[in-house]
């Protein structure tokens, strides 16, 4: 199994916030955004592993700024690090208002995916090789987040 550069896993997805995506205040529903984040991250994991990947966990998602009706939402996902069969995928979310000429970073999310075979059994994924300084930082931070996830899981048992 060959290692692959982190940049090869990048997925950029853009969605338009329509009325059926919003709450009574005209803001994007949090659940709709989480759905888009999960899809974008799943595509990134699948692109990296060359196979179906399933969501194992979603880390905390903070909503820093509301996303409004009519905004274009751009999601940028890439694999941060691979841990044999599981991999952490980071997703950055931006809202852009073309009329106002604004673009803001609204959310960051981290999800864990597992590469699976045709029977749904976990299989090893290729190692992710970080190249840029940002990719190297995310690679190192992914290990810390994983250790925290595993500690939390042990405390719940």
C-alpha atoms as a PDB file:
ATOM      1  CA  UNK A   1       0.000   0.000   0.000  1.00  0.00           C
ATOM      2  CA  UNK A   2       1.555   3.261  -1.127  1.00  0.00           C
ATOM      3  CA  UNK A   3       1.662   6.454   0.883  1.00  0.00           C
ATOM      4  CA  UNK A   4      -0.059   9.474  -0.660  1.00  0.00           C
ATOM      5  CA  UNK A   5       0.387  13.219  -0.198  1.00  0.00           C
ATOM      6  CA  UNK A   6      -2.251  14.931   1.931  1.00  0.00           C
ATOM      7  CA  UNK A   7      -2.941  17.322  -0.958  1.00  0.00           C
ATOM      8  CA  UNK A   8      -4.186  14.403  -3.104  1.00  0.00           C
ATOM      9  CA  UNK A   9      -7.113  13.911  -0.687  1.00  0.00           C
ATOM     10  CA  UNK A  10      -8.439  17.461  -0.977  1.00  0.00           C
ATOM     11  CA  UNK A  11     -12.114  17.884  -1.841  1.00  0.00           C
ATOM     12  CA  UNK A  12     -13.712  21.297  -2.406  1.00  0.00           C
ATOM     13  CA  UNK A  13     -17.485  21.361  -2.348  1.00  0.00           C
ATOM     14  CA  UNK A  14     -19.727  24.398  -2.812  1.00  0.00           C
ATOM     15  CA  UNK A  15     -23.401  24.624  -1.869  1.00  0.00           C
ATOM     16  CA  UNK A  16     -25.918  27.454  -2.189  1.00  0.00           C
ATOM     17  CA  UNK A  17     -28.028  28.145   0.919  1.00  0.00           C
ATOM     18  CA  UNK A  18     -31.643  27.906  -0.237  1.00  0.00           C
ATOM     19  CA  UNK A  19     -34.841  28.588   1.751  1.00  0.00           C
ATOM     20  CA  UNK A  20     -35.319  24.885   2.605  1.00  0.00           C
ATOM     21  CA  UNK A  21     -31.842  24.895   4.255  1.00  0.00           C
ATOM     22  CA  UNK A  22     -32.666  27.693   6.732  1.00  0.00           C
ATOM     23  CA  UNK A  23     -34.362  28.240  10.072  1.00  0.00           C
ATOM     24  CA  UNK A  24     -36.940  30.936  10.895  1.00  0.00           C
ATOM     25  CA  UNK A  25     -34.167  33.552  11.167  1.00  0.00           C
ATOM     26  CA  UNK A  26     -32.901  32.895   7.640  1.00  0.00           C
ATOM     27  CA  UNK A  27     -29.743  31.161   8.895  1.00  0.00           C
ATOM     28  CA  UNK A  28     -28.431  27.833   7.624  1.00  0.00           C
ATOM     29  CA  UNK A  29     -29.637  24.951   9.801  1.00  0.00           C
ATOM     30  CA  UNK A  30     -26.813  23.401  11.822  1.00  0.00           C
ATOM     31  CA  UNK A  31     -27.933  19.911  10.835  1.00  0.00           C
ATOM     32  CA  UNK A  32     -27.781  20.809   7.147  1.00  0.00           C
ATOM     33  CA  UNK A  33     -24.235  22.087   7.550  1.00  0.00           C
ATOM     34  CA  UNK A  34     -23.255  18.922   9.447  1.00  0.00           C
ATOM     35  CA  UNK A  35     -24.692  16.857   6.577  1.00  0.00           C
ATOM     36  CA  UNK A  36     -22.567  18.760   4.035  1.00  0.00           C
ATOM     37  CA  UNK A  37     -19.478  18.454   6.277  1.00  0.00           C
ATOM     38  CA  UNK A  38     -19.964  14.679   6.549  1.00  0.00           C
ATOM     39  CA  UNK A  39     -20.342  14.267   2.774  1.00  0.00           C
ATOM     40  CA  UNK A  40     -17.289  16.414   1.983  1.00  0.00           C
ATOM     41  CA  UNK A  41     -15.159  14.583   4.562  1.00  0.00           C
ATOM     42  CA  UNK A  42     -16.356  11.151   3.347  1.00  0.00           C
ATOM     43  CA  UNK A  43     -15.363  12.046  -0.215  1.00  0.00           C
ATOM     44  CA  UNK A  44     -11.911  13.127   0.973  1.00  0.00           C
ATOM     45  CA  UNK A  45     -11.390   9.887   2.932  1.00  0.00           C
ATOM     46  CA  UNK A  46     -12.623   7.763   0.007  1.00  0.00           C
ATOM     47  CA  UNK A  47     -10.379   9.645  -2.430  1.00  0.00           C
ATOM     48  CA  UNK A  48      -7.386   8.993  -0.178  1.00  0.00           C
ATOM     49  CA  UNK A  49      -8.153   5.319   0.525  1.00  0.00           C
ATOM     50  CA  UNK A  50      -9.575   4.476  -2.929  1.00  0.00           C
ATOM     51  CA  UNK A  51     -12.491   2.744  -1.236  1.00  0.00           C
ATOM     52  CA  UNK A  52     -15.647   3.345   0.743  1.00  0.00           C
ATOM     53  CA  UNK A  53     -15.011   5.002   4.110  1.00  0.00           C
ATOM     54  CA  UNK A  54     -17.559   5.241   6.894  1.00  0.00           C
ATOM     55  CA  UNK A  55     -17.937   7.886   9.595  1.00  0.00           C
ATOM     56  CA  UNK A  56     -16.617   6.671  12.960  1.00  0.00           C
ATOM     57  CA  UNK A  57     -16.831   9.931  14.927  1.00  0.00           C
ATOM     58  CA  UNK A  58     -17.334  13.658  14.622  1.00  0.00           C
ATOM     59  CA  UNK A  59     -15.399  15.976  16.892  1.00  0.00           C
ATOM     60  CA  UNK A  60     -16.878  19.164  18.198  1.00  0.00           C
ATOM     61  CA  UNK A  61     -18.263  21.628  15.651  1.00  0.00           C
ATOM     62  CA  UNK A  62     -18.370  25.270  16.683  1.00  0.00           C
ATOM     63  CA  UNK A  63     -20.549  27.768  14.866  1.00  0.00           C
ATOM     64  CA  UNK A  64     -18.537  31.018  14.810  1.00  0.00           C
ATOM     65  CA  UNK A  65     -20.692  33.011  12.388  1.00  0.00           C
ATOM     66  CA  UNK A  66     -24.178  32.483  11.003  1.00  0.00           C
ATOM     67  CA  UNK A  67     -24.453  31.446   7.371  1.00  0.00           C
ATOM     68  CA  UNK A  68     -27.308  33.269   5.679  1.00  0.00           C
ATOM     69  CA  UNK A  69     -29.874  32.498   3.020  1.00  0.00           C
ATOM     70  CA  UNK A  70     -28.268  33.129  -0.387  1.00  0.00           C
ATOM     71  CA  UNK A  71     -24.687  32.599   0.822  1.00  0.00           C
ATOM     72  CA  UNK A  72     -22.391  30.237  -1.055  1.00  0.00           C
ATOM     73  CA  UNK A  73     -20.900  27.723   1.380  1.00  0.00           C
ATOM     74  CA  UNK A  74     -17.502  26.303   0.446  1.00  0.00           C
ATOM     75  CA  UNK A  75     -16.233  23.250   2.306  1.00  0.00           C
ATOM     76  CA  UNK A  76     -12.568  22.245   1.990  1.00  0.00           C
ATOM     77  CA  UNK A  77     -11.650  18.795   3.294  1.00  0.00           C
ATOM     78  CA  UNK A  78      -8.440  16.775   3.391  1.00  0.00           C
ATOM     79  CA  UNK A  79      -7.039  13.837   5.320  1.00  0.00           C
ATOM     80  CA  UNK A  80      -4.896  15.064   8.209  1.00  0.00           C
ATOM     81  CA  UNK A  81      -3.442  11.726   9.298  1.00  0.00           C
ATOM     82  CA  UNK A  82      -3.984   7.976   8.921  1.00  0.00           C
ATOM     83  CA  UNK A  83      -3.927   5.549  11.860  1.00  0.00           C
ATOM     84  CA  UNK A  84      -3.914   2.156  10.068  1.00  0.00           C
ATOM     85  CA  UNK A  85      -7.632   1.731   9.188  1.00  0.00           C
ATOM     86  CA  UNK A  86      -8.917   5.037  10.573  1.00  0.00           C
ATOM     87  CA  UNK A  87      -8.106   8.513   9.364  1.00  0.00           C
ATOM     88  CA  UNK A  88      -8.810  12.007  10.585  1.00  0.00           C
ATOM     89  CA  UNK A  89     -10.293  14.394   8.035  1.00  0.00           C
ATOM     90  CA  UNK A  90     -10.343  18.139   8.640  1.00  0.00           C
ATOM     91  CA  UNK A  91     -13.014  20.339   7.070  1.00  0.00           C
ATOM     92  CA  UNK A  92     -12.917  24.133   6.866  1.00  0.00           C
ATOM     93  CA  UNK A  93     -16.154  25.946   6.053  1.00  0.00           C
ATOM     94  CA  UNK A  94     -16.416  29.378   4.445  1.00  0.00           C
ATOM     95  CA  UNK A  95     -19.494  31.496   3.744  1.00  0.00           C
ATOM     96  CA  UNK A  96     -19.367  33.884   0.833  1.00  0.00           C
ATOM     97  CA  UNK A  97     -21.836  36.634   0.001  1.00  0.00           C
ATOM     98  CA  UNK A  98     -21.284  37.657  -3.596  1.00  0.00           C
ATOM     99  CA  UNK A  99     -23.464  40.790  -3.382  1.00  0.00           C
ATOM    100  CA  UNK A 100     -21.487  42.143  -0.426  1.00  0.00           C
ATOM    101  CA  UNK A 101     -18.148  40.756  -1.631  1.00  0.00           C
ATOM    102  CA  UNK A 102     -17.474  39.046   1.697  1.00  0.00           C
ATOM    103  CA  UNK A 103     -15.989  35.657   2.581  1.00  0.00           C
ATOM    104  CA  UNK A 104     -15.636  34.446   6.184  1.00  0.00           C
ATOM    105  CA  UNK A 105     -14.374  31.289   7.840  1.00  0.00           C
ATOM    106  CA  UNK A 106     -17.413  30.010   9.753  1.00  0.00           C
ATOM    107  CA  UNK A 107     -16.538  26.509  10.961  1.00  0.00           C
ATOM    108  CA  UNK A 108     -13.821  23.911  11.360  1.00  0.00           C
ATOM    109  CA  UNK A 109     -14.627  20.262  11.990  1.00  0.00           C
ATOM    110  CA  UNK A 110     -12.647  17.079  12.470  1.00  0.00           C
ATOM    111  CA  UNK A 111     -14.122  13.694  11.633  1.00  0.00           C
ATOM    112  CA  UNK A 112     -12.751  10.174  11.863  1.00  0.00           C
ATOM    113  CA  UNK A 113     -13.427   7.743   9.029  1.00  0.00           C
ATOM    114  CA  UNK A 114     -12.645   4.055   8.659  1.00  0.00           C
ATOM    115  CA  UNK A 115     -11.783   2.455   5.327  1.00  0.00           C
ATOM    116  CA  UNK A 116     -13.863  -0.695   4.785  1.00  0.00           C
ATOM    117  CA  UNK A 117     -13.973  -3.602   2.329  1.00  0.00           C
ATOM    118  CA  UNK A 118     -17.036  -4.905   0.462  1.00  0.00           C
ATOM    119  CA  UNK A 119     -18.229  -6.693   3.624  1.00  0.00           C
ATOM    120  CA  UNK A 120     -17.875  -3.552   5.741  1.00  0.00           C
ATOM    121  CA  UNK A 121     -14.768  -4.807   7.567  1.00  0.00           C
ATOM    122  CA  UNK A 122     -12.012  -2.271   8.383  1.00  0.00           C
ATOM    123  CA  UNK A 123      -8.967  -2.384   6.098  1.00  0.00           C
ATOM    124  CA  UNK A 124      -5.681  -0.440   6.205  1.00  0.00           C
ATOM    125  CA  UNK A 125      -5.535   2.899   4.420  1.00  0.00           C
ATOM    126  CA  UNK A 126      -2.446   4.398   2.765  1.00  0.00           C
ATOM    127  CA  UNK A 127      -0.311   6.636   4.939  1.00  0.00           C
ATOM    128  CA  UNK A 128      -0.873  10.383   4.453  1.00  0.00           C
ATOM    129  CA  UNK A 129       2.304  12.359   3.809  1.00  0.00           C
ATOM    130  CA  UNK A 130       2.126  16.048   4.819  1.00  0.00           C
ATOM    131  CA  UNK A 131       4.157  18.455   2.680  1.00  0.00           C
ATOM    132  CA  UNK A 132       3.315  22.041   3.643  1.00  0.00           C
ATOM    133  CA  UNK A 133       3.881  23.539   7.093  1.00  0.00           C
ATOM    134  CA  UNK A 134       0.095  23.700   7.611  1.00  0.00           C
ATOM    135  CA  UNK A 135      -0.288  20.022   6.661  1.00  0.00           C
ATOM    136  CA  UNK A 136       2.560  19.079   9.047  1.00  0.00           C
ATOM    137  CA  UNK A 137       0.916  21.039  11.888  1.00  0.00           C
ATOM    138  CA  UNK A 138      -2.455  19.361  11.244  1.00  0.00           C
ATOM    139  CA  UNK A 139      -0.700  15.965  11.041  1.00  0.00           C
ATOM    140  CA  UNK A 140       0.844  16.458  14.505  1.00  0.00           C
ATOM    141  CA  UNK A 141      -2.351  17.889  16.023  1.00  0.00           C
ATOM    142  CA  UNK A 142      -4.350  14.915  14.674  1.00  0.00           C
ATOM    143  CA  UNK A 143      -2.391  12.587  16.964  1.00  0.00           C
ATOM    144  CA  UNK A 144      -3.252  14.732  20.000  1.00  0.00           C
ATOM    145  CA  UNK A 145      -6.949  14.786  19.050  1.00  0.00           C
ATOM    146  CA  UNK A 146      -6.907  10.995  18.560  1.00  0.00           C
ATOM    147  CA  UNK A 147      -5.338  10.443  21.977  1.00  0.00           C
ATOM    148  CA  UNK A 148      -8.028  12.672  23.523  1.00  0.00           C
ATOM    149  CA  UNK A 149     -10.801  10.781  21.689  1.00  0.00           C
ATOM    150  CA  UNK A 150      -9.431   7.460  22.922  1.00  0.00           C
ATOM    151  CA  UNK A 151      -9.179   8.752  26.522  1.00  0.00           C
ATOM    152  CA  UNK A 152     -12.774   9.968  26.376  1.00  0.00           C
ATOM    153  CA  UNK A 153     -13.926   6.616  25.008  1.00  0.00           C
ATOM    154  CA  UNK A 154     -12.160   4.748  27.834  1.00  0.00           C
ATOM    155  CA  UNK A 155     -13.772   6.962  30.493  1.00  0.00           C
ATOM    156  CA  UNK A 156     -17.262   6.219  29.124  1.00  0.00           C
ATOM    157  CA  UNK A 157     -16.861   2.446  29.434  1.00  0.00           C
END
